[in-house]
Amino acid sequence: PDMEINAFSVAERFCARWHSEEMQRWAGIVMRNGCRKDDSRGGLRQCASVSCGRWEERHREFAKCRRCRKAKYCSKECQSRAWADGHRYWCVERP
């Protein structure tokens, strides 16, 4: 099936410590932009798991990562998968 690639989850893989600082910085910029709402879809968000790609059907349907509050996930399974796939390398707790 046709699945749009989420730039957030692709860039997230480049935030790992073994990539250069410059690569990590640019990946962070892409991810910050990837967290934004898609205005062409009425402000809906896409699941941050690279293997998912699901879009919200209604506003604020997806849960935010409790730690960074940036990444949005459609399910606990996607959140766990994203953590294993690299979210843990850049996730920073927000006060």
C-alpha atoms as a PDB file:
ATOM      1  CA  PRO A   1       0.000   0.000   0.000  1.00  0.00           C
ATOM      2  CA  ASP A   2       1.001   3.610  -0.489  1.00  0.00           C
ATOM      3  CA  MET A   3       2.452   4.999   2.711  1.00  0.00           C
ATOM      4  CA  GLU A   4       3.800   8.491   3.174  1.00  0.00           C
ATOM      5  CA  ILE A   5       7.166   8.589   4.906  1.00  0.00           C
ATOM      6  CA  ASN A   6       7.279  10.610   8.107  1.00  0.00           C
ATOM      7  CA  ALA A   7      10.349  12.882   7.997  1.00  0.00           C
ATOM      8  CA  PHE A   8      10.353  12.990  11.802  1.00  0.00           C
ATOM      9  CA  SER A   9      10.970   9.281  12.240  1.00  0.00           C
ATOM     10  CA  VAL A  10      13.527   9.080   9.423  1.00  0.00           C
ATOM     11  CA  ALA A  11      15.549  12.007  10.811  1.00  0.00           C
ATOM     12  CA  GLU A  12      15.322  10.561  14.313  1.00  0.00           C
ATOM     13  CA  ARG A  13      17.693   7.770  13.308  1.00  0.00           C
ATOM     14  CA  PHE A  14      20.422  10.367  12.674  1.00  0.00           C
ATOM     15  CA  CYS A  15      20.259  11.719  16.235  1.00  0.00           C
ATOM     16  CA  ALA A  16      22.172   8.749  17.605  1.00  0.00           C
ATOM     17  CA  ARG A  17      25.474   9.605  19.281  1.00  0.00           C
ATOM     18  CA  TRP A  18      27.552   7.745  16.688  1.00  0.00           C
ATOM     19  CA  HIS A  19      26.629  10.307  14.003  1.00  0.00           C
ATOM     20  CA  SER A  20      28.566  13.559  13.697  1.00  0.00           C
ATOM     21  CA  GLU A  21      27.435  16.568  15.734  1.00  0.00           C
ATOM     22  CA  GLU A  22      26.474  18.361  12.527  1.00  0.00           C
ATOM     23  CA  MET A  23      24.342  15.422  11.381  1.00  0.00           C
ATOM     24  CA  GLN A  24      22.651  15.297  14.787  1.00  0.00           C
ATOM     25  CA  ARG A  25      21.977  19.046  14.671  1.00  0.00           C
ATOM     26  CA  TRP A  26      20.371  18.912  11.206  1.00  0.00           C
ATOM     27  CA  ALA A  27      18.360  15.841  12.146  1.00  0.00           C
ATOM     28  CA  GLY A  28      17.045  17.761  15.159  1.00  0.00           C
ATOM     29  CA  ILE A  29      15.935  20.619  12.911  1.00  0.00           C
ATOM     30  CA  VAL A  30      14.096  18.226  10.593  1.00  0.00           C
ATOM     31  CA  MET A  31      12.464  16.531  13.566  1.00  0.00           C
ATOM     32  CA  ARG A  32      11.271  19.794  15.090  1.00  0.00           C
ATOM     33  CA  ASN A  33       9.620  20.633  11.781  1.00  0.00           C
ATOM     34  CA  GLY A  34       8.261  17.077  11.523  1.00  0.00           C
ATOM     35  CA  CYS A  35       6.453  17.509  14.846  1.00  0.00           C
ATOM     36  CA  ARG A  36       4.291  20.229  13.460  1.00  0.00           C
ATOM     37  CA  LYS A  37       0.752  19.812  12.298  1.00  0.00           C
ATOM     38  CA  ASP A  38       0.059  19.275   8.623  1.00  0.00           C
ATOM     39  CA  ASP A  39      -2.058  22.255   7.631  1.00  0.00           C
ATOM     40  CA  SER A  40      -3.018  20.580   4.351  1.00  0.00           C
ATOM     41  CA  ARG A  41      -4.695  17.877   6.479  1.00  0.00           C
ATOM     42  CA  GLY A  42      -6.492  20.340   8.721  1.00  0.00           C
ATOM     43  CA  GLY A  43      -3.776  20.375  11.384  1.00  0.00           C
ATOM     44  CA  LEU A  44      -3.666  16.621  11.958  1.00  0.00           C
ATOM     45  CA  ARG A  45      -0.464  14.826  12.986  1.00  0.00           C
ATOM     46  CA  GLN A  46       1.249  11.660  11.793  1.00  0.00           C
ATOM     47  CA  CYS A  47       2.398   8.894  14.143  1.00  0.00           C
ATOM     48  CA  ALA A  48       6.119   9.344  14.892  1.00  0.00           C
ATOM     49  CA  SER A  49       6.910   5.640  14.473  1.00  0.00           C
ATOM     50  CA  VAL A  50       8.757   5.082  11.177  1.00  0.00           C
ATOM     51  CA  SER A  51       6.989   1.761  10.611  1.00  0.00           C
ATOM     52  CA  CYS A  52       3.494   3.191  11.081  1.00  0.00           C
ATOM     53  CA  GLY A  53       2.668   6.330   9.104  1.00  0.00           C
ATOM     54  CA  ARG A  54      -0.914   6.559  10.415  1.00  0.00           C
ATOM     55  CA  TRP A  55      -2.519  10.025  10.522  1.00  0.00           C
ATOM     56  CA  GLU A  56      -4.876  11.277  13.205  1.00  0.00           C
ATOM     57  CA  GLU A  57      -8.540  11.125  12.237  1.00  0.00           C
ATOM     58  CA  ARG A  58      -9.442  13.820  14.755  1.00  0.00           C
ATOM     59  CA  HIS A  59      -7.418  16.532  16.493  1.00  0.00           C
ATOM     60  CA  ARG A  60      -5.291  15.487  19.475  1.00  0.00           C
ATOM     61  CA  GLU A  61      -6.132  11.819  18.971  1.00  0.00           C
ATOM     62  CA  PHE A  62      -2.511  10.699  19.406  1.00  0.00           C
ATOM     63  CA  ALA A  63      -0.686  10.726  22.736  1.00  0.00           C
ATOM     64  CA  LYS A  64       2.560  12.666  23.205  1.00  0.00           C
ATOM     65  CA  CYS A  65       5.731  11.111  24.534  1.00  0.00           C
ATOM     66  CA  ARG A  66       5.524  11.749  28.284  1.00  0.00           C
ATOM     67  CA  ARG A  67       9.190  12.645  28.483  1.00  0.00           C
ATOM     68  CA  CYS A  68       9.864  15.100  25.625  1.00  0.00           C
ATOM     69  CA  ARG A  69       6.250  15.856  24.680  1.00  0.00           C
ATOM     70  CA  LYS A  70       7.360  16.291  21.047  1.00  0.00           C
ATOM     71  CA  ALA A  71       6.741  12.902  19.437  1.00  0.00           C
ATOM     72  CA  LYS A  72       3.126  11.807  18.918  1.00  0.00           C
ATOM     73  CA  TYR A  73       2.125   8.140  18.777  1.00  0.00           C
ATOM     74  CA  CYS A  74      -1.075   6.381  17.754  1.00  0.00           C
ATOM     75  CA  SER A  75      -0.528   3.477  20.176  1.00  0.00           C
ATOM     76  CA  LYS A  76       1.651   2.156  23.010  1.00  0.00           C
ATOM     77  CA  GLU A  77       3.066  -0.373  20.534  1.00  0.00           C
ATOM     78  CA  CYS A  78       4.250   2.383  18.183  1.00  0.00           C
ATOM     79  CA  GLN A  79       5.730   4.315  21.092  1.00  0.00           C
ATOM     80  CA  SER A  80       7.683   1.252  22.280  1.00  0.00           C
ATOM     81  CA  ARG A  81       8.856   0.493  18.747  1.00  0.00           C
ATOM     82  CA  ALA A  82      10.009   4.094  18.237  1.00  0.00           C
ATOM     83  CA  TRP A  83      11.922   4.025  21.533  1.00  0.00           C
ATOM     84  CA  ALA A  84      13.770   0.892  20.380  1.00  0.00           C
ATOM     85  CA  ASP A  85      14.335   2.401  16.915  1.00  0.00           C
ATOM     86  CA  GLY A  86      16.127   5.475  18.287  1.00  0.00           C
ATOM     87  CA  HIS A  87      13.789   7.913  20.009  1.00  0.00           C
ATOM     88  CA  ARG A  88      15.715   7.252  23.230  1.00  0.00           C
ATOM     89  CA  TYR A  89      18.855   8.868  21.754  1.00  0.00           C
ATOM     90  CA  TRP A  90      17.429  12.368  21.578  1.00  0.00           C
ATOM     91  CA  CYS A  91      14.423  12.346  23.917  1.00  0.00           C
ATOM     92  CA  VAL A  92      14.978  14.973  26.616  1.00  0.00           C
ATOM     93  CA  GLU A  93      12.623  15.463  29.536  1.00  0.00           C
ATOM     94  CA  ARG A  94      10.817  18.796  29.443  1.00  0.00           C
ATOM     95  CA  PRO A  95      10.147  20.599  32.711  1.00  0.00           C
END
